[in-house]
Amino acid sequence: ELMEEAVKVSGAGTPSGVARVVARVLEGRDAEGLKRLASALVEHACTVALLGSRDGADARLVFARAPDAPGDMNVLMREACQTLEGRGGGRPDMAQGGGRRAERLAEAIAQAARSLANKT
């Protein structure tokens, strides 16, 4: 079921420089669900997953990349969390975070995608 969803979601990805970027807001996902989906997506070569979900007024984010994809997910997460008035972090290959400005979730993900495109 998770792999089916990953295939469906990755089909909506956009080539960006040398990587395929999957940037999506998914409703009703907890942090663990976002992390599992991101992990499934980045099993594909040159893929970056920029995923978010709303939980009431709060926003959750998980950013991940395949080993051969560019970008520092920790840096992107910190930038996105500023937009959400929250916090987050992690490793260069996977980071998670969130904030209290769920209405700005799509903006934060789009900003991360633009930042990634500008660095590749």
C-alpha atoms as a PDB file:
ATOM      1  CA  GLU A   1       0.000   0.000   0.000  1.00  0.00           C
ATOM      2  CA  LEU A   2       2.801   2.428   0.901  1.00  0.00           C
ATOM      3  CA  MET A   3       4.730   1.653  -2.280  1.00  0.00           C
ATOM      4  CA  GLU A   4       1.571   2.135  -4.370  1.00  0.00           C
ATOM      5  CA  GLU A   5       1.101   5.550  -2.811  1.00  0.00           C
ATOM      6  CA  ALA A   6       4.773   6.398  -3.316  1.00  0.00           C
ATOM      7  CA  VAL A   7       4.487   5.549  -7.010  1.00  0.00           C
ATOM      8  CA  LYS A   8       1.329   7.660  -7.307  1.00  0.00           C
ATOM      9  CA  VAL A   9       2.845  10.619  -5.456  1.00  0.00           C
ATOM     10  CA  SER A  10       6.177  10.406  -7.299  1.00  0.00           C
ATOM     11  CA  GLY A  11       4.324  10.582 -10.605  1.00  0.00           C
ATOM     12  CA  ALA A  12       3.525  14.163  -9.650  1.00  0.00           C
ATOM     13  CA  GLY A  13       7.210  14.985  -9.198  1.00  0.00           C
ATOM     14  CA  THR A  14       8.914  17.694 -11.192  1.00  0.00           C
ATOM     15  CA  PRO A  15      12.373  17.381 -12.721  1.00  0.00           C
ATOM     16  CA  SER A  16      14.549  20.125 -11.229  1.00  0.00           C
ATOM     17  CA  GLY A  17      18.116  20.324 -12.465  1.00  0.00           C
ATOM     18  CA  VAL A  18      19.604  16.901 -11.816  1.00  0.00           C
ATOM     19  CA  ALA A  19      16.901  15.647  -9.416  1.00  0.00           C
ATOM     20  CA  ARG A  20      13.224  14.748  -9.467  1.00  0.00           C
ATOM     21  CA  VAL A  21      11.499  16.808  -6.773  1.00  0.00           C
ATOM     22  CA  VAL A  22       8.266  15.565  -5.208  1.00  0.00           C
ATOM     23  CA  ALA A  23       6.811  18.553  -3.318  1.00  0.00           C
ATOM     24  CA  ARG A  24       3.371  17.838  -1.862  1.00  0.00           C
ATOM     25  CA  VAL A  25       0.990  18.785   0.932  1.00  0.00           C
ATOM     26  CA  LEU A  26      -0.823  15.659   2.106  1.00  0.00           C
ATOM     27  CA  GLU A  27      -3.814  15.929   4.412  1.00  0.00           C
ATOM     28  CA  GLY A  28      -4.204  13.976   7.632  1.00  0.00           C
ATOM     29  CA  ARG A  29      -0.678  12.558   7.906  1.00  0.00           C
ATOM     30  CA  ASP A  30       1.214  12.189  11.130  1.00  0.00           C
ATOM     31  CA  ALA A  31       4.975  12.691  11.234  1.00  0.00           C
ATOM     32  CA  GLU A  32       5.685   8.956  11.067  1.00  0.00           C
ATOM     33  CA  GLY A  33       3.431   8.528   8.021  1.00  0.00           C
ATOM     34  CA  LEU A  34       5.191  11.390   6.225  1.00  0.00           C
ATOM     35  CA  LYS A  35       8.570   9.910   7.104  1.00  0.00           C
ATOM     36  CA  ARG A  36       7.623   6.462   5.785  1.00  0.00           C
ATOM     37  CA  LEU A  37       6.327   7.932   2.517  1.00  0.00           C
ATOM     38  CA  ALA A  38       9.411  10.118   2.086  1.00  0.00           C
ATOM     39  CA  SER A  39      11.659   7.099   2.691  1.00  0.00           C
ATOM     40  CA  ALA A  40       9.778   5.100   0.055  1.00  0.00           C
ATOM     41  CA  LEU A  41      10.049   7.952  -2.458  1.00  0.00           C
ATOM     42  CA  VAL A  42      13.797   8.416  -2.049  1.00  0.00           C
ATOM     43  CA  GLU A  43      14.458   4.756  -2.751  1.00  0.00           C
ATOM     44  CA  HIS A  44      14.298   5.972  -6.370  1.00  0.00           C
ATOM     45  CA  ALA A  45      17.511   7.458  -7.743  1.00  0.00           C
ATOM     46  CA  CYS A  46      17.940  11.241  -7.869  1.00  0.00           C
ATOM     47  CA  THR A  47      14.710  11.909  -5.975  1.00  0.00           C
ATOM     48  CA  VAL A  48      14.009  14.579  -3.370  1.00  0.00           C
ATOM     49  CA  ALA A  49      10.823  14.431  -1.262  1.00  0.00           C
ATOM     50  CA  LEU A  50       9.508  17.670   0.262  1.00  0.00           C
ATOM     51  CA  LEU A  51       6.364  16.568   2.102  1.00  0.00           C
ATOM     52  CA  GLY A  52       4.051  18.344   4.502  1.00  0.00           C
ATOM     53  CA  SER A  53       0.803  17.792   6.363  1.00  0.00           C
ATOM     54  CA  ARG A  54      -1.585  19.852   8.471  1.00  0.00           C
ATOM     55  CA  ASP A  55      -2.716  18.912  11.965  1.00  0.00           C
ATOM     56  CA  GLY A  56      -5.268  21.529  12.884  1.00  0.00           C
ATOM     57  CA  ALA A  57      -3.417  24.838  13.074  1.00  0.00           C
ATOM     58  CA  ASP A  58      -0.012  23.121  13.091  1.00  0.00           C
ATOM     59  CA  ALA A  59       2.092  22.034  10.134  1.00  0.00           C
ATOM     60  CA  ARG A  60       4.459  19.072   9.824  1.00  0.00           C
ATOM     61  CA  LEU A  61       7.292  18.678   7.336  1.00  0.00           C
ATOM     62  CA  VAL A  62       9.582  15.851   6.272  1.00  0.00           C
ATOM     63  CA  PHE A  63      12.297  16.461   3.669  1.00  0.00           C
ATOM     64  CA  ALA A  64      14.426  13.603   2.335  1.00  0.00           C
ATOM     65  CA  ARG A  65      16.705  12.869  -0.601  1.00  0.00           C
ATOM     66  CA  ALA A  66      18.179   9.842  -2.315  1.00  0.00           C
ATOM     67  CA  PRO A  67      21.925   9.347  -1.741  1.00  0.00           C
ATOM     68  CA  ASP A  68      22.675  10.543  -5.288  1.00  0.00           C
ATOM     69  CA  ALA A  69      20.381  13.599  -5.157  1.00  0.00           C
ATOM     70  CA  PRO A  70      21.685  17.089  -4.371  1.00  0.00           C
ATOM     71  CA  GLY A  71      20.720  19.332  -1.490  1.00  0.00           C
ATOM     72  CA  ASP A  72      21.042  19.564   2.269  1.00  0.00           C
ATOM     73  CA  MET A  73      17.672  18.679   3.779  1.00  0.00           C
ATOM     74  CA  ASN A  74      18.706  20.079   7.166  1.00  0.00           C
ATOM     75  CA  VAL A  75      19.341  23.536   5.667  1.00  0.00           C
ATOM     76  CA  LEU A  76      16.112  23.425   3.622  1.00  0.00           C
ATOM     77  CA  MET A  77      14.142  22.354   6.713  1.00  0.00           C
ATOM     78  CA  ARG A  78      15.468  25.179   8.846  1.00  0.00           C
ATOM     79  CA  GLU A  79      14.492  27.702   6.149  1.00  0.00           C
ATOM     80  CA  ALA A  80      11.011  26.178   5.779  1.00  0.00           C
ATOM     81  CA  CYS A  81      10.435  26.148   9.538  1.00  0.00           C
ATOM     82  CA  GLN A  82      11.166  29.880   9.708  1.00  0.00           C
ATOM     83  CA  THR A  83       8.256  30.400   7.298  1.00  0.00           C
ATOM     84  CA  LEU A  84       6.052  28.259   9.562  1.00  0.00           C
ATOM     85  CA  GLU A  85       7.264  29.987  12.756  1.00  0.00           C
ATOM     86  CA  GLY A  86       8.450  26.641  14.032  1.00  0.00           C
ATOM     87  CA  ARG A  87      11.580  24.597  14.238  1.00  0.00           C
ATOM     88  CA  GLY A  88      13.172  21.515  12.842  1.00  0.00           C
ATOM     89  CA  GLY A  89      16.326  19.928  11.619  1.00  0.00           C
ATOM     90  CA  GLY A  90      18.070  16.678  10.942  1.00  0.00           C
ATOM     91  CA  ARG A  91      20.713  15.294   8.646  1.00  0.00           C
ATOM     92  CA  PRO A  92      21.730  16.285   5.110  1.00  0.00           C
ATOM     93  CA  ASP A  93      19.703  13.334   3.744  1.00  0.00           C
ATOM     94  CA  MET A  94      16.574  13.613   5.962  1.00  0.00           C
ATOM     95  CA  ALA A  95      15.105  16.268   8.226  1.00  0.00           C
ATOM     96  CA  GLN A  96      11.780  16.895   9.922  1.00  0.00           C
ATOM     97  CA  GLY A  97      10.095  19.788  11.614  1.00  0.00           C
ATOM     98  CA  GLY A  98       6.984  21.859  11.839  1.00  0.00           C
ATOM     99  CA  GLY A  99       5.386  25.040  13.008  1.00  0.00           C
ATOM    100  CA  ARG A 100       2.213  26.763  14.056  1.00  0.00           C
ATOM    101  CA  ARG A 101       1.472  28.501  10.734  1.00  0.00           C
ATOM    102  CA  ALA A 102      -0.242  25.679   8.828  1.00  0.00           C
ATOM    103  CA  GLU A 103      -1.763  28.200   6.418  1.00  0.00           C
ATOM    104  CA  ARG A 104       1.768  28.811   5.086  1.00  0.00           C
ATOM    105  CA  LEU A 105       2.599  25.113   4.552  1.00  0.00           C
ATOM    106  CA  ALA A 106       2.340  25.129   0.745  1.00  0.00           C
ATOM    107  CA  GLU A 107       4.420  28.326   0.637  1.00  0.00           C
ATOM    108  CA  ALA A 108       7.149  26.754   2.818  1.00  0.00           C
ATOM    109  CA  ILE A 109       7.350  23.661   0.593  1.00  0.00           C
ATOM    110  CA  ALA A 110       7.395  25.736  -2.606  1.00  0.00           C
ATOM    111  CA  GLN A 111      10.140  27.919  -1.152  1.00  0.00           C
ATOM    112  CA  ALA A 112      12.210  24.805  -0.329  1.00  0.00           C
ATOM    113  CA  ALA A 113      11.738  23.506  -3.882  1.00  0.00           C
ATOM    114  CA  ARG A 114      12.868  26.861  -5.339  1.00  0.00           C
ATOM    115  CA  SER A 115      15.861  26.975  -3.023  1.00  0.00           C
ATOM    116  CA  LEU A 116      16.846  23.451  -4.059  1.00  0.00           C
ATOM    117  CA  ALA A 117      16.480  24.319  -7.759  1.00  0.00           C
ATOM    118  CA  ASN A 118      18.657  27.409  -7.325  1.00  0.00           C
ATOM    119  CA  LYS A 119      21.440  25.360  -5.726  1.00  0.00           C
ATOM    120  CA  THR A 120      21.599  22.649  -8.408  1.00  0.00           C
END
